[in-house]
Amino acid sequence: MADKKTEFIQYLKGRFEVIRKDSDEYSTRGFCKAIEMEIASFLETD
């Protein structure tokens, strides 16, 4: 289980970096929505 948690954290960290780079302007709501979508898609593939 610890390995799965570590993998998930590393996955999200990578996605955060991509989302930040793709955003021309900072939007808290948009950023949060994107993260929610990433978490949902990761959990669906579990």
N, C-alpha and C. Protein backbone atom coordinates (compact mmCIF):
# COMPACT_ATOMS: atom_id res chain seq x y z
N MET A 1 0.83 -1.20 0.00
CA MET A 1 0.00 0.00 0.00
C MET A 1 0.86 1.26 0.00
N ALA A 2 1.96 1.22 0.73
CA ALA A 2 2.85 2.38 0.79
C ALA A 2 3.41 2.70 -0.60
N ASP A 3 3.72 1.65 -1.37
CA ASP A 3 4.24 1.86 -2.72
C ASP A 3 3.19 2.55 -3.60
N LYS A 4 1.94 2.15 -3.45
CA LYS A 4 0.86 2.75 -4.23
C LYS A 4 0.69 4.22 -3.86
N LYS A 5 0.81 4.53 -2.57
CA LYS A 5 0.69 5.92 -2.13
C LYS A 5 1.84 6.76 -2.69
N THR A 6 3.05 6.23 -2.63
CA THR A 6 4.21 6.94 -3.15
C THR A 6 4.06 7.18 -4.65
N GLU A 7 3.61 6.16 -5.36
CA GLU A 7 3.40 6.28 -6.81
C GLU A 7 2.36 7.37 -7.10
N PHE A 8 1.30 7.40 -6.32
CA PHE A 8 0.24 8.39 -6.50
C PHE A 8 0.75 9.80 -6.27
N ILE A 9 1.54 10.00 -5.20
CA ILE A 9 2.11 11.31 -4.90
C ILE A 9 3.04 11.76 -6.03
N GLN A 10 3.88 10.87 -6.50
CA GLN A 10 4.80 11.21 -7.59
C GLN A 10 4.03 11.55 -8.86
N TYR A 11 2.97 10.79 -9.13
CA TYR A 11 2.14 11.05 -10.30
C TYR A 11 1.51 12.44 -10.22
N LEU A 12 0.92 12.75 -9.07
CA LEU A 12 0.28 14.07 -8.90
C LEU A 12 1.30 15.19 -9.00
N LYS A 13 2.48 14.99 -8.42
CA LYS A 13 3.53 16.02 -8.49
C LYS A 13 3.87 16.33 -9.95
N GLY A 14 4.01 15.29 -10.74
CA GLY A 14 4.29 15.48 -12.16
C GLY A 14 3.16 16.21 -12.88
N ARG A 15 1.93 15.86 -12.55
CA ARG A 15 0.78 16.51 -13.17
C ARG A 15 0.68 17.97 -12.75
N PHE A 16 0.97 18.27 -11.49
CA PHE A 16 0.96 19.66 -11.01
C PHE A 16 1.89 20.50 -11.86
N GLU A 17 3.10 19.99 -12.11
CA GLU A 17 4.09 20.73 -12.88
C GLU A 17 3.61 20.99 -14.30
N VAL A 18 2.99 19.99 -14.92
CA VAL A 18 2.47 20.15 -16.28
C VAL A 18 1.35 21.17 -16.32
N ILE A 19 0.43 21.09 -15.36
CA ILE A 19 -0.69 22.03 -15.32
C ILE A 19 -0.20 23.45 -15.11
N ARG A 20 0.77 23.63 -14.22
CA ARG A 20 1.33 24.97 -13.97
C ARG A 20 1.96 25.54 -15.24
N LYS A 21 2.70 24.70 -15.96
CA LYS A 21 3.38 25.16 -17.17
C LYS A 21 2.38 25.49 -18.28
N ASP A 22 1.26 24.76 -18.32
CA ASP A 22 0.25 24.97 -19.36
C ASP A 22 -0.61 26.20 -19.11
N SER A 23 -0.64 26.67 -17.87
CA SER A 23 -1.51 27.80 -17.51
C SER A 23 -0.83 29.13 -17.83
N ASP A 24 -1.46 29.92 -18.68
CA ASP A 24 -0.94 31.25 -19.00
C ASP A 24 -1.18 32.20 -17.83
N GLU A 25 -2.32 32.06 -17.18
CA GLU A 25 -2.58 32.87 -16.00
C GLU A 25 -3.08 31.96 -14.88
N TYR A 26 -2.76 32.33 -13.67
CA TYR A 26 -3.08 31.50 -12.52
C TYR A 26 -4.56 31.59 -12.19
N SER A 27 -5.20 30.44 -12.11
CA SER A 27 -6.61 30.38 -11.74
C SER A 27 -6.78 29.29 -10.70
N THR A 28 -7.08 29.69 -9.48
CA THR A 28 -7.23 28.72 -8.40
C THR A 28 -8.33 27.72 -8.70
N ARG A 29 -9.46 28.21 -9.15
CA ARG A 29 -10.59 27.32 -9.45
C ARG A 29 -10.24 26.35 -10.57
N GLY A 30 -9.62 26.86 -11.63
CA GLY A 30 -9.24 26.01 -12.75
C GLY A 30 -8.19 24.98 -12.34
N PHE A 31 -7.23 25.42 -11.53
CA PHE A 31 -6.18 24.51 -11.06
C PHE A 31 -6.78 23.40 -10.21
N CYS A 32 -7.66 23.76 -9.28
CA CYS A 32 -8.30 22.77 -8.41
C CYS A 32 -9.13 21.79 -9.23
N LYS A 33 -9.86 22.30 -10.21
CA LYS A 33 -10.69 21.43 -11.06
C LYS A 33 -9.81 20.45 -11.83
N ALA A 34 -8.70 20.94 -12.35
CA ALA A 34 -7.78 20.07 -13.09
C ALA A 34 -7.22 18.98 -12.18
N ILE A 35 -6.88 19.34 -10.95
CA ILE A 35 -6.35 18.35 -10.01
C ILE A 35 -7.42 17.32 -9.66
N GLU A 36 -8.65 17.78 -9.44
CA GLU A 36 -9.75 16.84 -9.16
C GLU A 36 -9.91 15.85 -10.29
N MET A 37 -9.82 16.33 -11.53
CA MET A 37 -9.95 15.46 -12.69
C MET A 37 -8.81 14.45 -12.76
N GLU A 38 -7.60 14.89 -12.43
CA GLU A 38 -6.45 13.98 -12.44
C GLU A 38 -6.60 12.89 -11.38
N ILE A 39 -7.06 13.28 -10.17
CA ILE A 39 -7.26 12.31 -9.10
C ILE A 39 -8.33 11.30 -9.51
N ALA A 40 -9.43 11.78 -10.06
CA ALA A 40 -10.51 10.90 -10.50
C ALA A 40 -10.03 9.92 -11.56
N SER A 41 -9.28 10.41 -12.55
CA SER A 41 -8.81 9.52 -13.61
C SER A 41 -7.80 8.51 -13.08
N PHE A 42 -6.97 8.91 -12.12
CA PHE A 42 -6.01 7.98 -11.52
C PHE A 42 -6.75 6.88 -10.76
N LEU A 43 -7.76 7.24 -10.00
CA LEU A 43 -8.50 6.26 -9.21
C LEU A 43 -9.29 5.32 -10.10
N GLU A 44 -9.76 5.78 -11.25
CA GLU A 44 -10.49 4.93 -12.19
C GLU A 44 -9.59 3.84 -12.76
N THR A 45 -8.30 4.14 -12.92
CA THR A 45 -7.37 3.16 -13.49
C THR A 45 -6.83 2.20 -12.46
N ASP A 46 -7.20 2.38 -11.20
CA ASP A 46 -6.69 1.54 -10.11
C ASP A 46 -7.22 0.12 -10.22
